[in-house]
Amino acid sequence: MKIRWLDFGVDYVPHEVAQRVLTENCSAARSWREFLGKTTEEVAKRIGIPEDQYIQLEASPKLTRRNVREKIASALEINPEQLRF
């Protein structure tokens, strides 16, 4: 499920995702994953890494490495830029 703003075709971040990041000290990756109803096991499997390694990546407040951000975004079926805020 790719979240899109239908009127303009612009990717956006849902209020629920942004609010968790800003008020609960939750990473964007975790907030998106939970919003989309995916488990850490599912995402790790789609990326091709062990679940415990994914959990460590997800705990990072900022995903600074572009290739990591792209892999997580692909597994979540979102735009990588939606993880950068």
PDB file of N, CA and C in Angstrom:
ATOM      1  N   MET A   1       0.853  -1.174   0.000  1.00  0.00           N
ATOM      2  CA  MET A   1       0.000   0.000   0.000  1.00  0.00           C
ATOM      3  C   MET A   1       0.896   1.233   0.000  1.00  0.00           C
ATOM      4  N   LYS A   2       0.903   1.969  -1.075  1.00  0.00           N
ATOM      5  CA  LYS A   2       1.682   3.197  -1.168  1.00  0.00           C
ATOM      6  C   LYS A   2       0.777   4.362  -0.813  1.00  0.00           C
ATOM      7  N   ILE A   3       1.134   5.111   0.227  1.00  0.00           N
ATOM      8  CA  ILE A   3       0.349   6.259   0.668  1.00  0.00           C
ATOM      9  C   ILE A   3       0.651   7.422  -0.270  1.00  0.00           C
ATOM     10  N   ARG A   4      -0.384   8.008  -0.845  1.00  0.00           N
ATOM     11  CA  ARG A   4      -0.184   9.147  -1.742  1.00  0.00           C
ATOM     12  C   ARG A   4      -1.258  10.192  -1.500  1.00  0.00           C
ATOM     13  N   TRP A   5      -0.880  11.430  -1.761  1.00  0.00           N
ATOM     14  CA  TRP A   5      -1.836  12.525  -1.714  1.00  0.00           C
ATOM     15  C   TRP A   5      -2.498  12.538  -3.079  1.00  0.00           C
ATOM     16  N   LEU A   6      -3.750  12.133  -3.147  1.00  0.00           N
ATOM     17  CA  LEU A   6      -4.397  11.861  -4.423  1.00  0.00           C
ATOM     18  C   LEU A   6      -4.550  13.080  -5.322  1.00  0.00           C
ATOM     19  N   ASP A   7      -4.847  14.231  -4.768  1.00  0.00           N
ATOM     20  CA  ASP A   7      -5.110  15.400  -5.601  1.00  0.00           C
ATOM     21  C   ASP A   7      -3.887  15.863  -6.395  1.00  0.00           C
ATOM     22  N   PHE A   8      -2.708  15.760  -5.798  1.00  0.00           N
ATOM     23  CA  PHE A   8      -1.518  16.311  -6.419  1.00  0.00           C
ATOM     24  C   PHE A   8      -0.451  15.275  -6.737  1.00  0.00           C
ATOM     25  N   GLY A   9      -0.630  14.019  -6.297  1.00  0.00           N
ATOM     26  CA  GLY A   9       0.366  12.990  -6.543  1.00  0.00           C
ATOM     27  C   GLY A   9       1.645  13.189  -5.761  1.00  0.00           C
ATOM     28  N   VAL A  10       1.603  13.947  -4.678  1.00  0.00           N
ATOM     29  CA  VAL A  10       2.783  14.240  -3.883  1.00  0.00           C
ATOM     30  C   VAL A  10       2.813  13.313  -2.672  1.00  0.00           C
ATOM     31  N   ASP A  11       3.971  12.711  -2.423  1.00  0.00           N
ATOM     32  CA  ASP A  11       4.107  11.874  -1.236  1.00  0.00           C
ATOM     33  C   ASP A  11       4.041  12.758   0.004  1.00  0.00           C
ATOM     34  N   TYR A  12       3.435  12.248   1.039  1.00  0.00           N
ATOM     35  CA  TYR A  12       3.309  13.004   2.275  1.00  0.00           C
ATOM     36  C   TYR A  12       3.491  12.066   3.464  1.00  0.00           C
ATOM     37  N   VAL A  13       3.516  12.652   4.647  1.00  0.00           N
ATOM     38  CA  VAL A  13       3.625  11.882   5.880  1.00  0.00           C
ATOM     39  C   VAL A  13       2.322  12.074   6.640  1.00  0.00           C
ATOM     40  N   PRO A  14       1.597  10.996   6.916  1.00  0.00           N
ATOM     41  CA  PRO A  14       0.347  11.119   7.661  1.00  0.00           C
ATOM     42  C   PRO A  14       0.579  11.721   9.049  1.00  0.00           C
ATOM     43  N   HIS A  15      -0.411  12.437   9.519  1.00  0.00           N
ATOM     44  CA  HIS A  15      -0.344  13.077  10.831  1.00  0.00           C
ATOM     45  C   HIS A  15       0.045  12.083  11.923  1.00  0.00           C
ATOM     46  N   GLU A  16      -0.532  10.892  11.892  1.00  0.00           N
ATOM     47  CA  GLU A  16      -0.266   9.891  12.926  1.00  0.00           C
ATOM     48  C   GLU A  16       1.209   9.497  12.967  1.00  0.00           C
ATOM     49  N   VAL A  17       1.828   9.403  11.809  1.00  0.00           N
ATOM     50  CA  VAL A  17       3.244   9.037  11.732  1.00  0.00           C
ATOM     51  C   VAL A  17       4.103  10.175  12.281  1.00  0.00           C
ATOM     52  N   ALA A  18       3.863  11.385  11.801  1.00  0.00           N
ATOM     53  CA  ALA A  18       4.651  12.538  12.242  1.00  0.00           C
ATOM     54  C   ALA A  18       4.484  12.803  13.731  1.00  0.00           C
ATOM     55  N   GLN A  19       3.280  12.673  14.231  1.00  0.00           N
ATOM     56  CA  GLN A  19       3.025  12.946  15.646  1.00  0.00           C
ATOM     57  C   GLN A  19       3.831  12.012  16.548  1.00  0.00           C
ATOM     58  N   ARG A  20       3.886  10.726  16.201  1.00  0.00           N
ATOM     59  CA  ARG A  20       4.645   9.783  17.022  1.00  0.00           C
ATOM     60  C   ARG A  20       6.128  10.126  17.017  1.00  0.00           C
ATOM     61  N   VAL A  21       6.644  10.519  15.861  1.00  0.00           N
ATOM     62  CA  VAL A  21       8.060  10.872  15.768  1.00  0.00           C
ATOM     63  C   VAL A  21       8.361  12.103  16.617  1.00  0.00           C
ATOM     64  N   LEU A  22       7.481  13.089  16.534  1.00  0.00           N
ATOM     65  CA  LEU A  22       7.727  14.360  17.209  1.00  0.00           C
ATOM     66  C   LEU A  22       7.409  14.349  18.697  1.00  0.00           C
ATOM     67  N   THR A  23       6.468  13.536  19.133  1.00  0.00           N
ATOM     68  CA  THR A  23       6.059  13.599  20.540  1.00  0.00           C
ATOM     69  C   THR A  23       6.454  12.379  21.367  1.00  0.00           C
ATOM     70  N   GLU A  24       6.721  11.249  20.721  1.00  0.00           N
ATOM     71  CA  GLU A  24       7.017  10.029  21.468  1.00  0.00           C
ATOM     72  C   GLU A  24       8.453   9.538  21.284  1.00  0.00           C
ATOM     73  N   ASN A  25       9.300  10.353  20.658  1.00  0.00           N
ATOM     74  CA  ASN A  25      10.697   9.978  20.430  1.00  0.00           C
ATOM     75  C   ASN A  25      10.795   8.632  19.704  1.00  0.00           C
ATOM     76  N   CYS A  26       9.941   8.442  18.742  1.00  0.00           N
ATOM     77  CA  CYS A  26       9.869   7.217  17.944  1.00  0.00           C
ATOM     78  C   CYS A  26      10.545   7.494  16.605  1.00  0.00           C
ATOM     79  N   SER A  27      11.296   6.544  16.071  1.00  0.00           N
ATOM     80  CA  SER A  27      11.928   6.768  14.767  1.00  0.00           C
ATOM     81  C   SER A  27      10.871   6.797  13.669  1.00  0.00           C
ATOM     82  N   ALA A  28      11.201   7.459  12.574  1.00  0.00           N
ATOM     83  CA  ALA A  28      10.276   7.514  11.443  1.00  0.00           C
ATOM     84  C   ALA A  28      10.020   6.111  10.897  1.00  0.00           C
ATOM     85  N   ALA A  29      11.052   5.274  10.842  1.00  0.00           N
ATOM     86  CA  ALA A  29      10.895   3.913  10.326  1.00  0.00           C
ATOM     87  C   ALA A  29       9.925   3.109  11.186  1.00  0.00           C
ATOM     88  N   ARG A  30      10.070   3.216  12.488  1.00  0.00           N
ATOM     89  CA  ARG A  30       9.168   2.469  13.381  1.00  0.00           C
ATOM     90  C   ARG A  30       7.741   3.003  13.288  1.00  0.00           C
ATOM     91  N   SER A  31       7.620   4.320  13.289  1.00  0.00           N
ATOM     92  CA  SER A  31       6.299   4.923  13.216  1.00  0.00           C
ATOM     93  C   SER A  31       5.583   4.509  11.932  1.00  0.00           C
ATOM     94  N   TRP A  32       6.288   4.565  10.800  1.00  0.00           N
ATOM     95  CA  TRP A  32       5.703   4.136   9.535  1.00  0.00           C
ATOM     96  C   TRP A  32       5.345   2.652   9.576  1.00  0.00           C
ATOM     97  N   ARG A  33       6.267   1.809  10.079  1.00  0.00           N
ATOM     98  CA  ARG A  33       6.027   0.366  10.107  1.00  0.00           C
ATOM     99  C   ARG A  33       4.769   0.042  10.891  1.00  0.00           C
ATOM    100  N   GLU A  34       4.648   0.640  12.060  1.00  0.00           N
ATOM    101  CA  GLU A  34       3.476   0.372  12.901  1.00  0.00           C
ATOM    102  C   GLU A  34       2.204   0.942  12.267  1.00  0.00           C
ATOM    103  N   PHE A  35       2.302   2.105  11.657  1.00  0.00           N
ATOM    104  CA  PHE A  35       1.157   2.705  10.970  1.00  0.00           C
ATOM    105  C   PHE A  35       0.652   1.798   9.853  1.00  0.00           C
ATOM    106  N   LEU A  36       1.580   1.159   9.149  1.00  0.00           N
ATOM    107  CA  LEU A  36       1.226   0.282   8.039  1.00  0.00           C
ATOM    108  C   LEU A  36       0.883  -1.140   8.470  1.00  0.00           C
ATOM    109  N   GLY A  37       1.027  -1.419   9.776  1.00  0.00           N
ATOM    110  CA  GLY A  37       0.650  -2.726  10.309  1.00  0.00           C
ATOM    111  C   GLY A  37       1.619  -3.845   9.963  1.00  0.00           C
ATOM    112  N   LYS A  38       2.890  -3.513   9.778  1.00  0.00           N
ATOM    113  CA  LYS A  38       3.905  -4.525   9.469  1.00  0.00           C
ATOM    114  C   LYS A  38       4.707  -4.855  10.720  1.00  0.00           C
ATOM    115  N   THR A  39       5.230  -6.061  10.777  1.00  0.00           N
ATOM    116  CA  THR A  39       6.057  -6.479  11.910  1.00  0.00           C
ATOM    117  C   THR A  39       7.532  -6.251  11.576  1.00  0.00           C
ATOM    118  N   THR A  40       8.364  -6.234  12.617  1.00  0.00           N
ATOM    119  CA  THR A  40       9.807  -6.113  12.384  1.00  0.00           C
ATOM    120  C   THR A  40      10.311  -7.323  11.599  1.00  0.00           C
ATOM    121  N   GLU A  41       9.730  -8.478  11.849  1.00  0.00           N
ATOM    122  CA  GLU A  41      10.126  -9.693  11.139  1.00  0.00           C
ATOM    123  C   GLU A  41       9.835  -9.573   9.639  1.00  0.00           C
ATOM    124  N   GLU A  42       8.657  -9.051   9.282  1.00  0.00           N
ATOM    125  CA  GLU A  42       8.295  -8.872   7.869  1.00  0.00           C
ATOM    126  C   GLU A  42       9.263  -7.933   7.155  1.00  0.00           C
ATOM    127  N   VAL A  43       9.534  -6.796   7.789  1.00  0.00           N
ATOM    128  CA  VAL A  43      10.397  -5.795   7.159  1.00  0.00           C
ATOM    129  C   VAL A  43      11.817  -6.334   7.023  1.00  0.00           C
ATOM    130  N   ALA A  44      12.319  -6.961   8.063  1.00  0.00           N
ATOM    131  CA  ALA A  44      13.674  -7.525   8.019  1.00  0.00           C
ATOM    132  C   ALA A  44      13.788  -8.559   6.903  1.00  0.00           C
ATOM    133  N   LYS A  45      12.788  -9.402   6.771  1.00  0.00           N
ATOM    134  CA  LYS A  45      12.796 -10.435   5.733  1.00  0.00           C
ATOM    135  C   LYS A  45      12.800  -9.793   4.343  1.00  0.00           C
ATOM    136  N   ARG A  46      12.016  -8.739   4.161  1.00  0.00           N
ATOM    137  CA  ARG A  46      11.959  -8.066   2.854  1.00  0.00           C
ATOM    138  C   ARG A  46      13.286  -7.389   2.511  1.00  0.00           C
ATOM    139  N   ILE A  47      13.999  -6.915   3.543  1.00  0.00           N
ATOM    140  CA  ILE A  47      15.296  -6.274   3.327  1.00  0.00           C
ATOM    141  C   ILE A  47      16.397  -7.323   3.160  1.00  0.00           C
ATOM    142  N   GLY A  48      16.193  -8.473   3.794  1.00  0.00           N
ATOM    143  CA  GLY A  48      17.187  -9.539   3.707  1.00  0.00           C
ATOM    144  C   GLY A  48      18.217  -9.511   4.811  1.00  0.00           C
ATOM    145  N   ILE A  49      17.797  -9.053   6.009  1.00  0.00           N
ATOM    146  CA  ILE A  49      18.694  -9.015   7.157  1.00  0.00           C
ATOM    147  C   ILE A  49      18.010  -9.683   8.347  1.00  0.00           C
ATOM    148  N   PRO A  50      18.782 -10.089   9.356  1.00  0.00           N
ATOM    149  CA  PRO A  50      18.170 -10.663  10.557  1.00  0.00           C
ATOM    150  C   PRO A  50      17.288  -9.631  11.268  1.00  0.00           C
ATOM    151  N   GLU A  51      16.249 -10.122  11.919  1.00  0.00           N
ATOM    152  CA  GLU A  51      15.309  -9.235  12.604  1.00  0.00           C
ATOM    153  C   GLU A  51      15.996  -8.368  13.654  1.00  0.00           C
ATOM    154  N   ASP A  52      16.923  -8.934  14.432  1.00  0.00           N
ATOM    155  CA  ASP A  52      17.579  -8.137  15.482  1.00  0.00           C
ATOM    156  C   ASP A  52      18.402  -6.995  14.884  1.00  0.00           C
ATOM    157  N   GLN A  53      18.979  -7.219  13.707  1.00  0.00           N
ATOM    158  CA  GLN A  53      19.723  -6.145  13.032  1.00  0.00           C
ATOM    159  C   GLN A  53      18.762  -5.054  12.558  1.00  0.00           C
ATOM    160  N   TYR A  54      17.609  -5.454  12.041  1.00  0.00           N
ATOM    161  CA  TYR A  54      16.626  -4.455  11.611  1.00  0.00           C
ATOM    162  C   TYR A  54      16.144  -3.626  12.801  1.00  0.00           C
ATOM    163  N   ILE A  55      15.900  -4.279  13.921  1.00  0.00           N
ATOM    164  CA  ILE A  55      15.432  -3.566  15.118  1.00  0.00           C
ATOM    165  C   ILE A  55      16.442  -2.487  15.510  1.00  0.00           C
ATOM    166  N   GLN A  56      17.740  -2.796  15.407  1.00  0.00           N
ATOM    167  CA  GLN A  56      18.770  -1.795  15.709  1.00  0.00           C
ATOM    168  C   GLN A  56      18.716  -0.629  14.714  1.00  0.00           C
ATOM    169  N   LEU A  57      18.557  -0.948  13.430  1.00  0.00           N
ATOM    170  CA  LEU A  57      18.454   0.112  12.417  1.00  0.00           C
ATOM    171  C   LEU A  57      17.244   1.003  12.681  1.00  0.00           C
ATOM    172  N   GLU A  58      16.123   0.357  12.976  1.00  0.00           N
ATOM    173  CA  GLU A  58      14.879   1.083  13.190  1.00  0.00           C
ATOM    174  C   GLU A  58      14.958   1.993  14.414  1.00  0.00           C
ATOM    175  N   ALA A  59      15.740   1.603  15.394  1.00  0.00           N
ATOM    176  CA  ALA A  59      15.860   2.398  16.623  1.00  0.00           C
ATOM    177  C   ALA A  59      16.647   3.686  16.407  1.00  0.00           C
ATOM    178  N   SER A  60      17.396   3.754  15.324  1.00  0.00           N
ATOM    179  CA  SER A  60      18.184   4.944  15.037  1.00  0.00           C
ATOM    180  C   SER A  60      17.245   6.105  14.721  1.00  0.00           C
ATOM    181  N   PRO A  61      17.404   7.230  15.419  1.00  0.00           N
ATOM    182  CA  PRO A  61      16.488   8.355  15.190  1.00  0.00           C
ATOM    183  C   PRO A  61      16.575   8.925  13.781  1.00  0.00           C
ATOM    184  N   LYS A  62      17.731   8.873  13.161  1.00  0.00           N
ATOM    185  CA  LYS A  62      17.896   9.395  11.797  1.00  0.00           C
ATOM    186  C   LYS A  62      18.568   8.329  10.950  1.00  0.00           C
ATOM    187  N   LEU A  63      17.966   8.011   9.825  1.00  0.00           N
ATOM    188  CA  LEU A  63      18.565   7.069   8.886  1.00  0.00           C
ATOM    189  C   LEU A  63      19.393   7.879   7.903  1.00  0.00           C
ATOM    190  N   THR A  64      20.683   8.041   8.204  1.00  0.00           N
ATOM    191  CA  THR A  64      21.519   8.936   7.412  1.00  0.00           C
ATOM    192  C   THR A  64      22.070   8.276   6.155  1.00  0.00           C
ATOM    193  N   ARG A  65      22.211   6.968   6.147  1.00  0.00           N
ATOM    194  CA  ARG A  65      22.741   6.285   4.971  1.00  0.00           C
ATOM    195  C   ARG A  65      21.629   6.083   3.946  1.00  0.00           C
ATOM    196  N   ARG A  66      21.845   6.645   2.788  1.00  0.00           N
ATOM    197  CA  ARG A  66      20.818   6.637   1.740  1.00  0.00           C
ATOM    198  C   ARG A  66      20.390   5.218   1.353  1.00  0.00           C
ATOM    199  N   ASN A  67      21.358   4.311   1.189  1.00  0.00           N
ATOM    200  CA  ASN A  67      21.013   2.958   0.755  1.00  0.00           C
ATOM    201  C   ASN A  67      20.173   2.232   1.806  1.00  0.00           C
ATOM    202  N   VAL A  68      20.435   2.475   3.081  1.00  0.00           N
ATOM    203  CA  VAL A  68      19.636   1.863   4.151  1.00  0.00           C
ATOM    204  C   VAL A  68      18.222   2.430   4.123  1.00  0.00           C
ATOM    205  N   ARG A  69      18.124   3.748   3.999  1.00  0.00           N
ATOM    206  CA  ARG A  69      16.826   4.419   3.933  1.00  0.00           C
ATOM    207  C   ARG A  69      16.016   3.896   2.742  1.00  0.00           C
ATOM    208  N   GLU A  70      16.674   3.700   1.609  1.00  0.00           N
ATOM    209  CA  GLU A  70      15.988   3.206   0.420  1.00  0.00           C
ATOM    210  C   GLU A  70      15.482   1.774   0.601  1.00  0.00           C
ATOM    211  N   LYS A  71      16.284   0.927   1.243  1.00  0.00           N
ATOM    212  CA  LYS A  71      15.869  -0.463   1.474  1.00  0.00           C
ATOM    213  C   LYS A  71      14.672  -0.532   2.422  1.00  0.00           C
ATOM    214  N   ILE A  72      14.723   0.247   3.499  1.00  0.00           N
ATOM    215  CA  ILE A  72      13.605   0.251   4.451  1.00  0.00           C
ATOM    216  C   ILE A  72      12.357   0.805   3.779  1.00  0.00           C
ATOM    217  N   ALA A  73      12.510   1.896   3.051  1.00  0.00           N
ATOM    218  CA  ALA A  73      11.365   2.494   2.357  1.00  0.00           C
ATOM    219  C   ALA A  73      10.757   1.508   1.367  1.00  0.00           C
ATOM    220  N   SER A  74      11.586   0.796   0.650  1.00  0.00           N
ATOM    221  CA  SER A  74      11.092  -0.189  -0.305  1.00  0.00           C
ATOM    222  C   SER A  74      10.306  -1.291   0.410  1.00  0.00           C
ATOM    223  N   ALA A  75      10.826  -1.752   1.541  1.00  0.00           N
ATOM    224  CA  ALA A  75      10.140  -2.796   2.308  1.00  0.00           C
ATOM    225  C   ALA A  75       8.802  -2.298   2.844  1.00  0.00           C
ATOM    226  N   LEU A  76       8.735  -1.002   3.164  1.00  0.00           N
ATOM    227  CA  LEU A  76       7.495  -0.409   3.681  1.00  0.00           C
ATOM    228  C   LEU A  76       6.585   0.082   2.558  1.00  0.00           C
ATOM    229  N   GLU A  77       7.106   0.080   1.329  1.00  0.00           N
ATOM    230  CA  GLU A  77       6.377   0.560   0.148  1.00  0.00           C
ATOM    231  C   GLU A  77       6.030   2.043   0.243  1.00  0.00           C
ATOM    232  N   ILE A  78       7.031   2.815   0.667  1.00  0.00           N
ATOM    233  CA  ILE A  78       6.902   4.268   0.730  1.00  0.00           C
ATOM    234  C   ILE A  78       8.101   4.882   0.014  1.00  0.00           C
ATOM    235  N   ASN A  79       8.079   6.190  -0.170  1.00  0.00           N
ATOM    236  CA  ASN A  79       9.182   6.922  -0.773  1.00  0.00           C
ATOM    237  C   ASN A  79      10.271   7.109   0.283  1.00  0.00           C
ATOM    238  N   PRO A  80      11.555   6.914  -0.052  1.00  0.00           N
ATOM    239  CA  PRO A  80      12.628   7.101   0.939  1.00  0.00           C
ATOM    240  C   PRO A  80      12.605   8.474   1.610  1.00  0.00           C
ATOM    241  N   GLU A  81      12.161   9.488   0.887  1.00  0.00           N
ATOM    242  CA  GLU A  81      12.106  10.833   1.476  1.00  0.00           C
ATOM    243  C   GLU A  81      11.085  10.927   2.613  1.00  0.00           C
ATOM    244  N   GLN A  82      10.137  10.011   2.636  1.00  0.00           N
ATOM    245  CA  GLN A  82       9.143  10.025   3.702  1.00  0.00           C
ATOM    246  C   GLN A  82       9.728   9.539   5.034  1.00  0.00           C
ATOM    247  N   LEU A  83      10.973   9.086   5.018  1.00  0.00           N
ATOM    248  CA  LEU A  83      11.665   8.702   6.249  1.00  0.00           C
ATOM    249  C   LEU A  83      12.588   9.819   6.742  1.00  0.00           C
ATOM    250  N   ARG A  84      12.671  10.906   6.018  1.00  0.00           N
ATOM    251  CA  ARG A  84      13.588  12.012   6.366  1.00  0.00           C
ATOM    252  C   ARG A  84      12.820  13.220   6.876  1.00  0.00           C
ATOM    253  N   PHE A  85      12.530  13.213   8.138  1.00  0.00           N
ATOM    254  CA  PHE A  85      11.913  14.404   8.743  1.00  0.00           C
ATOM    255  C   PHE A  85      12.178  14.412  10.217  1.00  0.00           C
TER     256      PHE A  85
END
